[in-house]
N, C-alpha and C. Protein backbone atom coordinates (compact mmCIF):
# COMPACT_ATOMS: atom_id res chain seq x y z
N UNK A 1 -62.69 28.59 -1.04
CA UNK A 1 -63.40 29.92 -0.23
C UNK A 1 -64.32 30.46 -0.67
N UNK A 2 -65.97 30.19 -0.09
CA UNK A 2 -66.87 30.37 -1.29
C UNK A 2 -67.63 32.08 -0.87
N UNK A 3 -68.74 32.13 -1.38
CA UNK A 3 -68.90 33.98 -1.23
C UNK A 3 -69.11 33.86 -0.17
N UNK A 4 -69.95 32.80 0.90
CA UNK A 4 -69.93 33.33 1.94
C UNK A 4 -68.80 33.67 3.13
N UNK A 5 -67.92 32.45 2.63
CA UNK A 5 -66.74 32.87 4.18
C UNK A 5 -65.52 33.88 3.44
N UNK A 6 -66.40 34.41 2.33
CA UNK A 6 -64.86 35.50 1.51
C UNK A 6 -65.83 36.77 1.80
N UNK A 7 -67.20 36.80 1.71
CA UNK A 7 -67.87 38.08 1.43
C UNK A 7 -68.84 38.53 2.67
N UNK A 8 -69.57 37.03 3.31
CA UNK A 8 -70.89 37.81 4.10
C UNK A 8 -70.41 37.83 5.46
N UNK A 9 -69.24 36.01 5.87
CA UNK A 9 -68.84 35.95 7.23
C UNK A 9 -68.20 36.91 7.95
N UNK A 10 -66.82 37.36 7.14
CA UNK A 10 -65.62 38.16 7.89
C UNK A 10 -67.07 39.21 8.15
N UNK A 11 -67.26 40.43 7.79
CA UNK A 11 -68.85 41.22 7.99
C UNK A 11 -69.57 40.61 9.15
N UNK A 12 -70.08 39.42 9.03
CA UNK A 12 -71.38 38.91 10.25
C UNK A 12 -70.51 38.97 11.34
N UNK A 13 -69.31 38.24 11.58
CA UNK A 13 -68.45 38.43 12.67
C UNK A 13 -67.89 39.65 13.69
N UNK A 14 -67.54 40.65 12.35
CA UNK A 14 -67.23 42.41 12.97
C UNK A 14 -68.22 42.42 13.73
N UNK A 15 -69.40 42.43 12.92
CA UNK A 15 -70.96 43.10 13.79
C UNK A 15 -70.91 42.30 14.88
N UNK A 16 -70.78 40.46 15.13
CA UNK A 16 -71.23 40.11 16.17
C UNK A 16 -70.24 39.99 17.09
N UNK A 17 -69.14 40.82 16.78
CA UNK A 17 -67.82 40.49 17.98
C UNK A 17 -67.87 42.25 18.40
N UNK A 18 -68.43 43.13 18.03
CA UNK A 18 -68.65 44.33 18.21
C UNK A 18 -69.94 44.91 18.43
N UNK A 19 -70.55 44.23 19.15
CA UNK A 19 -71.33 44.18 20.04
C UNK A 19 -71.47 44.40 21.61
N UNK A 20 -71.88 45.49 22.06
CA UNK A 20 -72.01 46.17 23.01
C UNK A 20 -71.51 44.94 24.65
N UNK A 21 -71.83 44.45 24.49
CA UNK A 21 -71.71 43.16 25.62
C UNK A 21 -70.24 42.34 25.65
N UNK A 22 -70.06 42.44 24.34
CA UNK A 22 -68.72 41.91 24.40
C UNK A 22 -67.52 43.21 24.16
N UNK A 23 -68.08 44.24 23.78
CA UNK A 23 -66.36 45.12 24.47
C UNK A 23 -66.91 45.49 25.74
N UNK A 24 -68.01 44.87 26.91
CA UNK A 24 -67.69 45.08 28.29
C UNK A 24 -66.85 44.64 28.58
N UNK A 25 -66.70 43.18 28.06
CA UNK A 25 -65.52 42.20 27.71
C UNK A 25 -63.80 42.66 27.81
N UNK A 26 -64.20 43.11 26.30
CA UNK A 26 -62.41 43.64 26.13
C UNK A 26 -62.31 44.73 27.06
N UNK A 27 -63.42 45.35 27.35
CA UNK A 27 -62.77 46.66 28.20
C UNK A 27 -62.45 45.86 29.38
N UNK A 28 -62.30 44.69 30.15
CA UNK A 28 -61.30 43.69 31.74
C UNK A 28 -60.26 43.49 30.72
N UNK A 29 -60.16 42.69 29.73
CA UNK A 29 -59.02 42.87 29.30
C UNK A 29 -57.89 43.09 28.92
N UNK A 30 -57.56 43.57 27.66
CA UNK A 30 -56.98 44.49 27.05
C UNK A 30 -56.40 45.55 27.57
N UNK A 31 -56.86 46.35 28.58
CA UNK A 31 -55.83 46.97 28.65
C UNK A 31 -55.13 46.97 29.67
N UNK A 32 -55.07 45.85 29.89
CA UNK A 32 -53.68 44.60 30.99
C UNK A 32 -52.71 44.67 30.32
N UNK A 33 -52.92 44.56 28.83
CA UNK A 33 -51.68 44.60 27.62
C UNK A 33 -50.39 45.35 28.05
N UNK A 34 -49.06 44.74 28.20
CA UNK A 34 -48.27 45.38 28.40
C UNK A 34 -47.39 45.20 27.44
N UNK A 35 -46.31 46.61 27.33
CA UNK A 35 -44.98 46.10 26.40
C UNK A 35 -45.30 46.15 25.03
N UNK A 36 -44.59 45.20 24.39
CA UNK A 36 -44.47 44.44 22.34
C UNK A 36 -45.77 43.69 23.20
N UNK A 37 -46.83 43.22 22.28
CA UNK A 37 -48.26 43.06 22.28
C UNK A 37 -48.26 42.27 21.16
N UNK A 38 -48.38 40.70 21.32
CA UNK A 38 -49.19 39.78 20.13
C UNK A 38 -50.04 39.29 20.25
N UNK A 39 -50.74 40.09 18.96
CA UNK A 39 -52.64 39.92 19.53
C UNK A 39 -52.86 38.55 18.62
N UNK A 40 -53.30 37.75 19.07
CA UNK A 40 -53.89 36.29 18.20
C UNK A 40 -54.54 36.39 17.32
N UNK A 41 -55.46 36.50 16.21
CA UNK A 41 -56.64 36.66 15.62
C UNK A 41 -57.31 37.94 16.10
N UNK A 42 -56.32 39.24 15.47
CA UNK A 42 -56.81 40.66 15.48
C UNK A 42 -57.93 41.09 14.68
N UNK A 43 -58.59 40.07 13.67
CA UNK A 43 -59.52 40.54 13.36
C UNK A 43 -59.53 41.67 12.71
N UNK A 44 -60.60 42.57 12.93
CA UNK A 44 -60.82 43.28 12.31
C UNK A 44 -60.53 44.64 13.57
N UNK A 45 -59.55 44.46 13.99
CA UNK A 45 -59.39 45.53 15.25
C UNK A 45 -60.19 46.03 16.18
N UNK A 46 -60.89 45.01 16.40
CA UNK A 46 -62.32 45.40 17.37
C UNK A 46 -61.63 46.22 18.72
N UNK A 47 -59.99 45.21 19.43
CA UNK A 47 -59.77 45.36 20.29
C UNK A 47 -59.03 46.72 20.38
N UNK A 48 -58.41 47.41 19.23
CA UNK A 48 -57.40 47.96 19.22
C UNK A 48 -57.78 49.68 20.50
N UNK A 49 -59.09 49.82 20.44
CA UNK A 49 -59.72 51.45 20.95
C UNK A 49 -59.47 50.96 22.30
N UNK A 50 -59.21 49.67 22.60
CA UNK A 50 -59.35 49.55 24.15
C UNK A 50 -57.65 49.67 24.84
N UNK A 51 -56.94 48.81 24.07
CA UNK A 51 -55.47 49.43 24.19
C UNK A 51 -54.61 50.77 25.31
N UNK A 52 -53.94 50.62 26.67
CA UNK A 52 -53.37 51.41 27.03
C UNK A 52 -52.00 52.39 26.24
N UNK A 53 -52.26 53.01 25.51
CA UNK A 53 -51.28 53.59 24.80
C UNK A 53 -50.30 53.71 25.83
N UNK A 54 -50.10 54.00 27.18
CA UNK A 54 -49.13 54.61 28.21
C UNK A 54 -48.42 52.89 28.64
N UNK A 55 -48.55 52.20 28.40
CA UNK A 55 -48.76 50.67 29.13
C UNK A 55 -48.16 49.73 27.65
N UNK A 56 -48.06 49.77 26.01
CA UNK A 56 -47.94 49.49 25.24
C UNK A 56 -47.38 50.20 24.32
N UNK A 57 -46.55 49.95 23.87
CA UNK A 57 -45.79 50.33 22.31
C UNK A 57 -45.69 50.04 20.98
N UNK A 58 -45.84 48.49 21.07
CA UNK A 58 -45.88 47.54 19.69
C UNK A 58 -46.94 46.59 19.83
N UNK A 59 -47.64 46.98 18.62
CA UNK A 59 -48.48 45.38 18.32
C UNK A 59 -48.78 44.80 17.08
N UNK A 60 -48.49 43.82 17.20
CA UNK A 60 -47.95 42.41 16.07
C UNK A 60 -49.78 42.39 16.26
N UNK A 61 -50.32 42.53 15.05
CA UNK A 61 -52.31 41.34 14.92
C UNK A 61 -51.52 40.67 13.96
N UNK A 62 -51.84 39.16 14.41
CA UNK A 62 -51.99 38.20 13.97
C UNK A 62 -53.25 37.94 13.13
N UNK A 63 -53.87 37.48 12.00
CA UNK A 63 -54.58 36.69 11.78
C UNK A 63 -54.86 36.50 10.04
N UNK A 64 -55.49 35.28 10.08
CA UNK A 64 -55.19 34.58 8.28
C UNK A 64 -55.79 34.92 6.84
N UNK A 65 -57.09 35.56 7.89
CA UNK A 65 -57.76 35.85 7.15
C UNK A 65 -57.75 37.33 6.75
N UNK A 66 -57.42 37.65 5.20
CA UNK A 66 -57.10 39.16 4.40
C UNK A 66 -58.40 39.83 4.36
N UNK A 67 -59.65 39.58 4.59
CA UNK A 67 -60.97 39.90 4.56
C UNK A 67 -60.94 40.78 5.20
N UNK A 68 -60.79 40.28 6.71
CA UNK A 68 -60.74 40.30 7.95
C UNK A 68 -59.87 41.25 8.51
N UNK A 69 -58.26 41.16 7.90
CA UNK A 69 -57.63 41.69 8.13
C UNK A 69 -57.77 43.71 7.22
N UNK A 70 -58.53 43.23 6.13
CA UNK A 70 -58.41 44.40 5.32
C UNK A 70 -59.78 45.46 6.17
N UNK A 71 -60.61 44.81 7.02
CA UNK A 71 -61.48 45.79 7.36
C UNK A 71 -60.86 46.73 8.88
N UNK A 72 -59.93 46.05 9.16
CA UNK A 72 -58.94 46.84 10.09
C UNK A 72 -57.51 47.67 9.82
N UNK A 73 -57.54 47.79 8.73
CA UNK A 73 -56.35 48.39 7.78
C UNK A 73 -55.96 49.95 7.97
N UNK A 74 -57.24 50.67 8.44
CA UNK A 74 -57.29 52.12 8.31
C UNK A 74 -56.91 52.27 10.28
N UNK A 75 -56.16 51.06 10.78
CA UNK A 75 -55.93 51.31 12.49
C UNK A 75 -54.62 51.02 12.67
N UNK A 76 -53.65 51.40 11.66
CA UNK A 76 -52.18 51.01 12.00
C UNK A 76 -51.40 51.68 12.79
N UNK A 77 -52.05 52.80 13.03
CA UNK A 77 -51.33 53.33 14.58
C UNK A 77 -52.86 53.89 15.71
N UNK A 78 -52.94 53.12 16.25
CA UNK A 78 -53.69 54.02 17.29
C UNK A 78 -53.26 53.99 18.85
N UNK A 79 -54.03 55.69 19.34
CA UNK A 79 -53.38 56.69 20.12
C UNK A 79 -51.51 56.32 19.65
N UNK A 80 -51.52 56.28 19.06
CA UNK A 80 -49.58 56.47 19.30
C UNK A 80 -49.07 54.81 19.13
N UNK A 81 -49.46 53.72 19.19
CA UNK A 81 -49.26 52.65 19.11
C UNK A 81 -49.26 51.88 17.75
N UNK A 82 -48.19 51.88 17.64
CA UNK A 82 -47.80 51.12 16.28
C UNK A 82 -48.23 49.81 16.59
N UNK A 83 -48.88 49.61 15.10
CA UNK A 83 -49.53 48.25 15.26
C UNK A 83 -49.13 47.52 13.86
N UNK A 84 -48.55 46.59 13.18
CA UNK A 84 -48.26 45.57 12.45
C UNK A 84 -49.23 44.46 11.90
N UNK A 85 -49.26 44.49 11.07
CA UNK A 85 -50.61 43.26 10.97
C UNK A 85 -49.83 42.43 10.02
N UNK A 86 -50.07 41.22 10.22
CA UNK A 86 -49.23 39.80 9.52
C UNK A 86 -50.62 38.66 9.52
N UNK A 87 -49.88 38.39 8.56
CA UNK A 87 -50.66 36.82 7.72
C UNK A 87 -50.37 36.39 8.08
N UNK A 88 -50.71 35.12 8.70
CA UNK A 88 -50.75 33.87 8.94
C UNK A 88 -51.33 33.02 10.37
N UNK A 89 -51.22 31.86 10.05
CA UNK A 89 -52.17 31.31 11.36
C UNK A 89 -51.22 31.01 12.45
N UNK A 90 -52.21 30.70 13.86
CA UNK A 90 -51.29 30.50 14.97
C UNK A 90 -50.88 29.69 15.78
N UNK A 91 -50.61 28.91 14.20
CA UNK A 91 -50.37 27.08 14.68
C UNK A 91 -48.93 27.40 13.88
N UNK A 92 -48.47 28.41 13.56
CA UNK A 92 -47.37 28.77 12.94
C UNK A 92 -46.98 30.40 12.88
N UNK A 93 -46.70 30.46 14.11
CA UNK A 93 -46.79 32.09 13.98
C UNK A 93 -45.67 32.61 13.45
N UNK A 94 -45.40 33.43 12.34
CA UNK A 94 -44.29 34.20 11.81
C UNK A 94 -43.37 35.26 12.50
N UNK A 95 -43.14 34.76 13.55
CA UNK A 95 -42.25 35.75 14.77
C UNK A 95 -41.54 34.83 15.25
N UNK A 96 -40.18 35.60 16.20
CA UNK A 96 -38.72 34.73 16.82
C UNK A 96 -39.34 34.68 18.15
N UNK A 97 -38.48 33.89 18.66
CA UNK A 97 -38.68 33.03 19.87
C UNK A 97 -38.62 34.33 20.85
N UNK A 98 -39.59 34.45 21.87
CA UNK A 98 -39.42 35.38 23.34
C UNK A 98 -39.64 36.56 22.38
N UNK A 99 -40.39 36.85 21.84
CA UNK A 99 -40.55 38.22 21.21
C UNK A 99 -41.34 39.28 21.98
N UNK A 100 -42.73 39.01 22.49
CA UNK A 100 -44.07 39.10 23.41
C UNK A 100 -43.60 39.29 25.09
N UNK A 101 -44.23 40.50 25.19
CA UNK A 101 -44.04 40.96 26.69
C UNK A 101 -45.41 40.42 27.33
N UNK A 102 -46.49 40.40 26.02
CA UNK A 102 -48.24 40.06 26.54
C UNK A 102 -48.70 39.42 24.87
N UNK A 103 -49.05 38.12 24.81
CA UNK A 103 -49.64 37.97 23.81
C UNK A 103 -51.52 37.66 24.21
N UNK A 104 -52.13 38.31 23.45
CA UNK A 104 -53.33 38.84 23.88
C UNK A 104 -54.56 37.92 23.50
N UNK A 105 -55.50 37.33 23.11
CA UNK A 105 -56.00 36.46 22.20
C UNK A 105 -57.13 36.76 22.67
N UNK A 106 -58.63 36.94 21.93
CA UNK A 106 -59.93 37.14 22.47
C UNK A 106 -60.93 36.77 21.77
N UNK A 107 -62.13 35.29 21.51
CA UNK A 107 -62.84 35.09 21.35
C UNK A 107 -62.14 34.61 19.61
N UNK A 108 -60.95 34.18 20.18
CA UNK A 108 -59.75 33.43 18.75
C UNK A 108 -59.75 31.72 19.03
N UNK A 109 -59.62 31.72 20.71
CA UNK A 109 -58.88 29.97 20.55
C UNK A 109 -60.63 29.30 20.39
N UNK A 110 -61.52 29.55 20.50
CA UNK A 110 -62.81 28.45 20.01
C UNK A 110 -62.58 27.94 18.75
N UNK A 111 -62.16 28.57 17.52
CA UNK A 111 -62.16 28.63 15.78
C UNK A 111 -60.99 27.63 15.65
N UNK A 112 -59.87 27.78 16.61
CA UNK A 112 -58.75 27.40 15.78
C UNK A 112 -58.30 25.89 15.44
N UNK A 113 -58.09 25.37 13.93
CA UNK A 113 -58.16 24.27 13.92
C UNK A 113 -57.81 23.14 15.18
N UNK A 114 -56.24 23.57 14.94
CA UNK A 114 -55.55 22.85 16.01
C UNK A 114 -54.58 23.85 17.31
N UNK A 115 -55.64 23.90 18.46
CA UNK A 115 -55.77 24.95 19.61
C UNK A 115 -54.46 24.19 20.22
N UNK A 116 -54.01 22.94 20.81
CA UNK A 116 -52.81 22.61 21.44
C UNK A 116 -51.40 23.32 20.87
N UNK A 117 -51.28 22.98 19.12
CA UNK A 117 -50.38 23.58 18.22
C UNK A 117 -50.21 24.95 18.72
N UNK A 118 -51.40 25.76 18.32
CA UNK A 118 -51.46 26.75 18.43
C UNK A 118 -51.02 27.39 19.81
N UNK A 119 -51.59 26.57 21.25
CA UNK A 119 -51.05 27.41 22.44
C UNK A 119 -49.57 27.51 22.03
N UNK A 120 -49.04 26.18 22.20
CA UNK A 120 -47.16 26.09 22.12
C UNK A 120 -46.76 27.20 21.37
N UNK A 121 -46.98 27.18 20.32
CA UNK A 121 -47.05 28.69 19.57
C UNK A 121 -46.79 29.69 20.28
N UNK A 122 -47.67 30.19 20.92
CA UNK A 122 -48.01 31.20 21.56
C UNK A 122 -47.17 31.28 23.05
N UNK A 123 -46.60 29.92 23.66
CA UNK A 123 -45.90 29.92 24.53
C UNK A 123 -44.38 30.36 24.49
N UNK A 124 -44.31 29.73 23.00
CA UNK A 124 -42.99 30.62 22.39
C UNK A 124 -42.72 31.21 21.91
N UNK A 125 -43.37 32.79 21.31
CA UNK A 125 -43.06 34.01 21.06
C UNK A 125 -43.61 34.65 22.09
N UNK A 126 -44.08 34.01 23.86
CA UNK A 126 -44.12 34.96 24.59
C UNK A 126 -42.68 34.82 25.32
N UNK A 127 -42.45 35.97 26.09
CA UNK A 127 -41.24 36.10 26.85
C UNK A 127 -40.84 35.25 27.94
N UNK A 128 -39.78 34.50 28.48
CA UNK A 128 -40.02 33.76 30.42
C UNK A 128 -41.13 34.67 31.50
N UNK A 129 -41.11 36.02 31.67
CA UNK A 129 -41.61 36.53 32.08
C UNK A 129 -42.96 37.09 32.12
N UNK A 130 -43.58 36.98 30.75
CA UNK A 130 -44.59 37.31 30.03
C UNK A 130 -45.83 36.69 30.47
N UNK A 131 -47.11 37.05 29.62
CA UNK A 131 -48.40 37.46 30.41
C UNK A 131 -49.14 36.66 28.90
N UNK A 132 -49.91 35.59 29.15
CA UNK A 132 -50.77 35.31 28.14
C UNK A 132 -52.31 35.79 28.41
N UNK A 133 -52.95 37.13 27.93
CA UNK A 133 -53.93 37.92 28.51
C UNK A 133 -55.40 37.19 27.84
N UNK A 134 -56.51 36.23 28.08
CA UNK A 134 -57.60 36.12 27.31
C UNK A 134 -58.45 35.86 27.31
N UNK A 135 -59.45 36.39 26.56
CA UNK A 135 -61.28 36.31 26.82
C UNK A 135 -61.71 35.79 25.81
N UNK A 136 -62.72 34.66 26.44
CA UNK A 136 -63.17 33.60 25.20
C UNK A 136 -64.56 33.02 25.68
N UNK A 137 -65.46 32.30 24.84
CA UNK A 137 -66.53 31.60 25.50
C UNK A 137 -66.08 30.24 25.27
N UNK A 138 -66.83 29.08 26.00
CA UNK A 138 -66.88 28.16 25.63
C UNK A 138 -67.36 27.33 26.64
N UNK A 139 -66.94 26.38 26.70
CA UNK A 139 -67.88 25.29 27.70
C UNK A 139 -68.66 25.58 28.79
N UNK A 140 -69.70 25.33 28.86
CA UNK A 140 -70.26 26.34 30.27
C UNK A 140 -70.42 25.13 31.82
N UNK A 141 -70.44 25.80 32.80
CA UNK A 141 -70.55 25.09 34.26
C UNK A 141 -71.93 24.54 34.12
N UNK A 142 -72.75 24.93 33.81
CA UNK A 142 -74.17 24.06 34.08
C UNK A 142 -74.62 23.36 32.85
N UNK A 143 -74.61 22.10 33.44
CA UNK A 143 -75.39 20.88 32.76
C UNK A 143 -75.63 21.37 31.12
N UNK A 144 -77.33 21.42 31.83
CA UNK A 144 -77.89 21.47 31.00
C UNK A 144 -77.40 22.83 29.99
N UNK A 145 -77.06 23.71 29.90
CA UNK A 145 -76.98 24.39 29.04
C UNK A 145 -75.04 23.61 28.05
N UNK A 146 -74.47 22.94 28.94
CA UNK A 146 -73.33 22.04 27.83
C UNK A 146 -73.93 21.70 27.43
N UNK A 147 -75.06 20.52 27.85
CA UNK A 147 -75.74 20.02 26.88
C UNK A 147 -76.64 20.10 25.46
N UNK A 148 -76.84 21.54 25.44
CA UNK A 148 -76.86 22.12 24.50
C UNK A 148 -75.82 22.46 23.38
N UNK A 149 -74.63 22.69 24.59
CA UNK A 149 -73.77 23.12 23.73
C UNK A 149 -72.99 22.06 22.84
N UNK A 150 -72.79 20.96 23.08
CA UNK A 150 -72.73 19.87 22.77
C UNK A 150 -73.56 19.31 21.61
N UNK A 151 -75.37 19.38 21.50
CA UNK A 151 -75.57 19.04 20.93
C UNK A 151 -75.49 20.08 19.63
N UNK A 152 -75.43 21.24 19.76
CA UNK A 152 -75.26 22.30 18.60
C UNK A 152 -74.48 22.64 18.21
N UNK A 153 -72.83 22.03 18.46
CA UNK A 153 -71.43 22.39 17.89
C UNK A 153 -71.48 22.24 16.84
N UNK A 154 -71.77 20.80 16.45
CA UNK A 154 -71.76 20.59 14.85
C UNK A 154 -71.80 21.34 13.81
N UNK A 155 -73.66 21.83 14.44
CA UNK A 155 -74.01 22.49 13.32
C UNK A 155 -73.81 24.37 13.60
N UNK A 156 -73.61 24.59 14.92
CA UNK A 156 -73.16 26.00 15.07
C UNK A 156 -71.52 26.14 14.35
N UNK A 157 -70.66 24.82 14.35
CA UNK A 157 -69.09 25.38 13.41
C UNK A 157 -69.19 25.30 12.08
N UNK A 158 -70.33 24.48 11.74
CA UNK A 158 -70.45 24.75 10.12
C UNK A 158 -70.30 26.28 9.36
N UNK A 159 -71.43 27.09 10.34
CA UNK A 159 -71.77 28.48 9.54
C UNK A 159 -71.48 29.59 10.85
N UNK A 160 -70.41 28.81 11.51
CA UNK A 160 -69.36 30.31 12.15
C UNK A 160 -68.20 30.44 12.06
N UNK A 161 -67.72 29.78 10.70
CA UNK A 161 -66.16 30.30 10.13
C UNK A 161 -65.30 29.29 11.46
N UNK A 162 -66.24 27.76 11.73
CA UNK A 162 -65.06 27.04 12.24
C UNK A 162 -65.49 27.17 14.26
N UNK A 163 -65.87 27.94 14.85
CA UNK A 163 -65.85 28.64 16.02
C UNK A 163 -66.56 27.46 16.76
N UNK A 164 -66.25 26.61 18.00
CA UNK A 164 -66.38 25.94 18.73
C UNK A 164 -67.61 26.58 20.33
N UNK A 165 -68.73 25.78 20.28
CA UNK A 165 -69.22 25.59 21.38
C UNK A 165 -68.88 25.66 22.42
N UNK A 166 -67.79 24.42 22.89
CA UNK A 166 -67.89 23.64 23.68
C UNK A 166 -66.62 23.29 24.16
N UNK A 167 -65.35 24.16 23.69
CA UNK A 167 -64.42 23.78 24.09
C UNK A 167 -63.49 24.67 25.74
N UNK A 168 -63.25 23.88 26.00
CA UNK A 168 -63.01 23.56 27.98
C UNK A 168 -61.43 24.15 27.56
N UNK A 169 -61.51 25.92 27.74
CA UNK A 169 -60.46 27.01 27.27
C UNK A 169 -59.24 26.85 28.50
N UNK A 170 -59.85 27.17 29.48
CA UNK A 170 -58.07 26.97 31.16
C UNK A 170 -57.82 25.51 31.26
N UNK A 171 -58.90 24.37 30.78
CA UNK A 171 -57.51 23.26 30.30
C UNK A 171 -56.96 22.56 29.33
N UNK A 172 -57.62 23.79 28.58
CA UNK A 172 -56.60 23.57 27.51
C UNK A 172 -55.35 24.21 27.20
N UNK A 173 -55.50 25.37 27.78
CA UNK A 173 -54.27 26.66 28.94
C UNK A 173 -53.56 25.84 29.50
N UNK A 174 -54.01 25.56 30.20
CA UNK A 174 -52.93 24.37 30.77
C UNK A 174 -52.16 23.76 31.06
N UNK A 175 -52.93 22.71 29.86
CA UNK A 175 -52.28 21.36 29.22
C UNK A 175 -51.30 21.92 28.00
N UNK A 176 -51.17 22.97 27.73
CA UNK A 176 -50.16 22.91 26.79
C UNK A 176 -48.88 23.27 27.46
N UNK A 177 -48.09 23.86 28.57
CA UNK A 177 -46.76 24.87 29.71
C UNK A 177 -47.20 25.47 29.73
N UNK A 178 -48.64 26.49 30.38
CA UNK A 178 -49.04 27.50 30.75
C UNK A 178 -49.82 26.84 32.56
N UNK A 179 -49.64 27.76 33.27
CA UNK A 179 -50.37 27.94 34.81
C UNK A 179 -51.25 29.41 34.68
N UNK A 180 -52.60 28.89 35.31
CA UNK A 180 -53.44 29.99 34.97
C UNK A 180 -53.04 30.83 36.65
N UNK A 181 -52.62 32.30 35.86
CA UNK A 181 -52.28 33.34 36.77
C UNK A 181 -53.88 33.74 37.60
N UNK A 182 -55.17 33.63 36.87
CA UNK A 182 -56.16 34.73 37.08
C UNK A 182 -57.05 34.37 36.13
N UNK A 183 -58.02 34.03 36.73
CA UNK A 183 -59.51 32.94 35.98
C UNK A 183 -60.97 33.58 36.66
N UNK A 184 -61.85 34.20 35.68
CA UNK A 184 -62.69 34.52 36.25
C UNK A 184 -63.89 34.23 35.00
N UNK A 185 -65.41 33.83 35.19
CA UNK A 185 -66.86 33.29 34.44
C UNK A 185 -67.45 33.63 35.09
N UNK A 186 -68.66 33.79 33.52
CA UNK A 186 -69.96 34.49 33.76
C UNK A 186 -70.72 34.32 32.37
N UNK A 187 -71.64 34.11 32.53
CA UNK A 187 -72.65 34.59 31.16
C UNK A 187 -72.76 36.24 31.03
N UNK A 188 -72.36 36.55 29.85
CA UNK A 188 -72.89 38.22 29.16
C UNK A 188 -74.42 37.44 28.39
N UNK A 189 -74.97 38.92 28.44
CA UNK A 189 -76.32 38.52 27.42
C UNK A 189 -76.52 37.88 26.21
N UNK A 190 -77.50 37.39 25.66
CA UNK A 190 -77.60 36.77 25.05
C UNK A 190 -77.88 35.15 25.28
N UNK A 191 -77.52 34.48 24.02
CA UNK A 191 -78.20 33.26 24.03
C UNK A 191 -77.22 32.14 24.63
N UNK A 192 -77.66 31.48 25.96
CA UNK A 192 -76.53 31.02 27.06
C UNK A 192 -75.36 30.42 26.39
N UNK A 193 -75.61 29.19 25.89
CA UNK A 193 -74.92 28.15 25.58
C UNK A 193 -73.66 28.73 23.99
N UNK A 194 -74.03 30.26 23.63
CA UNK A 194 -72.67 30.87 23.07
C UNK A 194 -72.53 31.46 24.09
N UNK A 195 -72.48 32.24 24.84
CA UNK A 195 -72.49 33.61 25.73
C UNK A 195 -72.03 32.96 27.33
N UNK A 196 -71.50 31.78 27.91
CA UNK A 196 -70.41 31.83 28.63
C UNK A 196 -69.20 31.76 28.37
N UNK A 197 -68.30 32.86 29.00
CA UNK A 197 -67.44 33.48 28.73
C UNK A 197 -66.28 33.20 30.00
N UNK A 198 -65.27 32.75 29.39
CA UNK A 198 -63.96 32.82 30.15
C UNK A 198 -63.14 34.22 29.98
N UNK A 199 -62.22 34.38 31.58
CA UNK A 199 -61.23 35.60 30.83
C UNK A 199 -60.27 35.24 32.00
N UNK A 200 -59.06 35.41 31.28
CA UNK A 200 -58.03 36.07 33.01
C UNK A 200 -56.89 35.93 32.20
N UNK A 201 -55.76 35.24 32.85
CA UNK A 201 -54.65 35.10 32.53
C UNK A 201 -53.27 33.96 32.88
N UNK A 202 -52.35 33.71 31.87
CA UNK A 202 -51.42 32.59 32.16
C UNK A 202 -49.88 33.03 32.08
N UNK A 203 -49.36 32.62 32.90
CA UNK A 203 -47.95 32.37 32.96
C UNK A 203 -47.51 31.44 32.60
N UNK A 204 -45.57 31.49 31.95
CA UNK A 204 -45.04 30.00 32.29
C UNK A 204 -44.91 29.06 33.22
N UNK A 205 -45.42 27.98 32.89
CA UNK A 205 -45.09 26.87 33.90
C UNK A 205 -43.63 27.23 34.41
N UNK A 206 -43.21 26.32 35.13
CA UNK A 206 -41.45 26.59 35.82
C UNK A 206 -41.31 25.12 34.82
N UNK A 207 -40.10 25.61 33.66
CA UNK A 207 -39.46 25.03 33.05
C UNK A 207 -40.16 24.37 32.05
N UNK A 208 -41.17 25.60 31.21
CA UNK A 208 -41.78 25.14 30.70
C UNK A 208 -41.47 25.75 28.99
N UNK A 209 -40.53 27.39 29.79
CA UNK A 209 -40.44 27.95 28.30
C UNK A 209 -39.30 27.04 27.40
N UNK A 210 -39.17 27.37 25.58
CA UNK A 210 -38.67 26.46 24.51
C UNK A 210 -38.90 27.57 23.79
N UNK A 211 -37.13 27.21 22.67
CA UNK A 211 -36.66 27.86 22.35
C UNK A 211 -36.53 27.24 20.48
N UNK A 212 -37.37 28.28 19.79
CA UNK A 212 -36.72 26.90 18.40
C UNK A 212 -36.26 28.55 17.38
N UNK A 213 -37.45 29.65 17.13
CA UNK A 213 -36.87 30.68 16.15
C UNK A 213 -35.89 31.35 16.85
N UNK A 214 -34.87 32.29 15.50
CA UNK A 214 -34.07 33.71 15.69
C UNK A 214 -34.73 34.59 15.65
């Protein structure tokens, strides 16, 4: 890992993902979480202030980056909610089956290497009646913006920690055993190719629940 990835990129991501425009989106989805929550890509803990302590008992925060987790370590208890930080990749979540009432993921699905594998793992740790809550940026519905996304993506990915501009997030979620329960989309302020947001929730498709770990 180079100097950029180890020291510069984590702080750039913390700054960019902490902008007020993105905080507005976090306020829309994070308070919907309930019970035991697994947050995928907890990063520097930017979602933690928005959890509803009346609805959430425990948070497992998964992230592969020790540098990002170090930025969040001061937040091991938020509003009375216990937060346990876990090192690991979401393609192989180090938790047992059906552990979560809610899986929360914000601005993370864009940068996962093997996204179908990660979504299958998310489905595994989610209880049969649990809910995946997501807010991401991705492929725009406007043709001219999508062309810019496709053109810029190879360069963007190299300098943005593997982030992709043009992933079709809802389709990928549905292709891995989820049914979309609610869905909304729109542009937030900023450079449009990076600012088309998709947010909503998903549940297990009938018969899609699978177990692997104890």
